[in-house]
Amino acid sequence: MKKKLLSIVSVLFVTVMINAQTVKEDAKKDVKAVTNAVDKGAKATKEGVKDGAEWTAETVKKGAKATKEGVKDGAEWTAEIAKKDAKATKKGLKKAKKWTKKTAKKGADAVSDTYKDVKKDIKKK
């Protein structure tokens, strides 16, 4: 009976050892699969960050170029408007000068006529 018990225990021990070995190998496979997945994820993240950085750089360059062109166009538009305004102001000043001269002459004539009228009135009295 001792032999039988020892045989059964030996078989059980061998079976447990085989199962332990199988579990160990499965664990190694799982660890390797997880490691591979992590490596792939890290690589994909690295590439995504790199692509994102390149896209950002391109977008910044395009934005800077568009801003530069916008500023240039704005400056040209401002210069054109300033020229038109200067021309209009010059015309306005010329017209104002003529009007002021005419008005001053009329005013002077009116003062002169009034002075003459007052002088006549004084002589009559």
Protein backbone atom coordinates (compact mmCIF):
# COMPACT_ATOMS: atom_id res chain seq x y z
CA MET A 1 0.00 0.00 0.00
CA LYS A 2 2.90 2.24 0.72
CA LYS A 3 4.15 1.67 -2.79
CA LYS A 4 0.76 2.44 -4.23
CA LEU A 5 0.48 5.63 -2.20
CA LEU A 6 3.97 6.63 -3.18
CA SER A 7 3.17 5.97 -6.83
CA ILE A 8 0.00 8.05 -6.64
CA VAL A 9 1.85 10.88 -4.89
CA SER A 10 4.62 10.68 -7.50
CA VAL A 11 2.10 10.83 -10.34
CA LEU A 12 0.34 13.76 -8.70
CA PHE A 13 3.65 15.51 -8.12
CA VAL A 14 4.65 15.03 -11.76
CA THR A 15 1.22 16.21 -12.90
CA VAL A 16 1.45 19.33 -10.71
CA MET A 17 4.96 20.02 -12.00
CA ILE A 18 3.82 19.64 -15.61
CA ASN A 19 0.87 21.94 -14.96
CA ALA A 20 3.17 24.43 -13.21
CA GLN A 21 5.50 24.34 -16.19
CA THR A 22 2.56 24.93 -18.54
CA VAL A 23 1.32 27.85 -16.43
CA LYS A 24 4.85 29.27 -16.38
CA GLU A 25 5.09 29.03 -20.17
CA ASP A 26 1.63 30.60 -20.59
CA ALA A 27 2.67 33.42 -18.27
CA LYS A 28 5.82 33.99 -20.34
CA LYS A 29 3.70 34.09 -23.51
CA ASP A 30 1.31 36.56 -21.91
CA VAL A 31 4.18 38.75 -20.72
CA LYS A 32 5.69 38.67 -24.19
CA ALA A 33 2.33 39.56 -25.78
CA VAL A 34 1.85 42.47 -23.36
CA THR A 35 5.40 43.67 -23.97
CA ASN A 36 4.85 43.57 -27.73
CA ALA A 37 1.57 45.46 -27.39
CA VAL A 38 3.23 48.12 -25.20
CA ASP A 39 6.09 48.46 -27.69
CA LYS A 40 3.65 48.84 -30.59
CA GLY A 41 1.62 51.39 -28.63
CA ALA A 42 4.74 53.37 -27.74
CA LYS A 43 5.88 53.31 -31.37
CA ALA A 44 2.45 54.44 -32.58
CA THR A 45 2.39 57.22 -29.97
CA LYS A 46 5.87 58.35 -31.00
CA GLU A 47 4.83 58.47 -34.66
CA GLY A 48 1.60 60.28 -33.76
CA VAL A 49 3.47 62.90 -31.76
CA LYS A 50 5.98 63.32 -34.58
CA ASP A 51 3.19 63.69 -37.17
CA GLY A 52 1.39 66.14 -34.88
CA ALA A 53 4.53 68.22 -34.45
CA GLU A 54 5.13 68.29 -38.22
CA TRP A 55 1.50 69.26 -38.86
CA THR A 56 1.74 72.01 -36.24
CA ALA A 57 4.94 73.34 -37.78
CA GLU A 58 3.38 73.40 -41.25
CA THR A 59 0.26 75.10 -39.94
CA VAL A 60 2.34 77.71 -38.12
CA LYS A 61 4.33 78.41 -41.29
CA LYS A 62 1.13 78.76 -43.33
CA GLY A 63 -0.36 81.01 -40.67
CA ALA A 64 2.75 83.19 -40.56
CA LYS A 65 2.76 83.47 -44.35
CA ALA A 66 -0.95 84.36 -44.42
CA THR A 67 -0.44 86.94 -41.67
CA LYS A 68 2.51 88.45 -43.53
CA GLU A 69 0.43 88.70 -46.72
CA GLY A 70 -2.50 90.12 -44.78
CA VAL A 71 -0.32 92.78 -43.18
CA LYS A 72 1.19 93.63 -46.56
CA ASP A 73 -2.26 93.89 -48.17
CA GLY A 74 -3.48 95.97 -45.23
CA ALA A 75 -0.53 98.33 -45.56
CA GLU A 76 -1.11 98.72 -49.30
CA TRP A 77 -4.82 99.39 -48.73
CA THR A 78 -4.00 101.92 -46.00
CA ALA A 79 -1.52 103.67 -48.31
CA GLU A 80 -4.13 103.88 -51.08
CA ILE A 81 -6.75 105.27 -48.72
CA ALA A 82 -4.25 107.75 -47.29
CA LYS A 83 -3.42 108.96 -50.82
CA LYS A 84 -7.11 109.32 -51.68
CA ASP A 85 -7.77 111.13 -48.40
CA ALA A 86 -4.81 113.44 -48.94
CA LYS A 87 -6.05 114.24 -52.44
CA ALA A 88 -9.58 114.88 -51.16
CA THR A 89 -8.25 117.04 -48.32
CA LYS A 90 -6.17 119.05 -50.74
CA LYS A 91 -9.24 119.65 -52.94
CA GLY A 92 -11.30 120.52 -49.88
CA LEU A 93 -8.71 123.02 -48.68
CA LYS A 94 -8.54 124.60 -52.12
CA LYS A 95 -12.34 124.99 -52.21
CA ALA A 96 -12.37 126.28 -48.62
CA LYS A 97 -9.72 128.84 -49.50
CA LYS A 98 -11.77 130.12 -52.46
CA TRP A 99 -14.96 130.20 -50.38
CA THR A 100 -13.23 131.99 -47.50
CA LYS A 101 -11.75 134.54 -49.89
CA LYS A 102 -15.15 135.21 -51.51
CA THR A 103 -16.88 135.40 -48.13
CA ALA A 104 -14.22 137.70 -46.72
CA LYS A 105 -14.52 139.97 -49.75
CA LYS A 106 -18.31 140.06 -49.40
CA GLY A 107 -17.95 140.78 -45.70
CA ALA A 108 -15.45 143.55 -46.37
CA ASP A 109 -17.71 145.05 -49.02
CA ALA A 110 -20.67 144.89 -46.62
CA VAL A 111 -18.63 146.62 -43.89
CA SER A 112 -17.48 149.24 -46.36
CA ASP A 113 -21.05 149.88 -47.57
CA THR A 114 -22.28 150.10 -43.97
CA TYR A 115 -19.47 152.52 -43.11
CA LYS A 116 -20.39 154.70 -46.08
CA ASP A 117 -24.07 154.63 -45.09
CA VAL A 118 -23.22 155.58 -41.51
CA LYS A 119 -20.94 158.35 -42.73
CA LYS A 120 -23.73 159.76 -44.93
CA ASP A 121 -26.16 159.60 -42.04
CA ILE A 122 -23.72 161.49 -39.82
CA LYS A 123 -23.22 164.21 -42.45
CA LYS A 124 -26.98 164.64 -42.81
CA LYS A 125 -27.40 165.32 -39.16
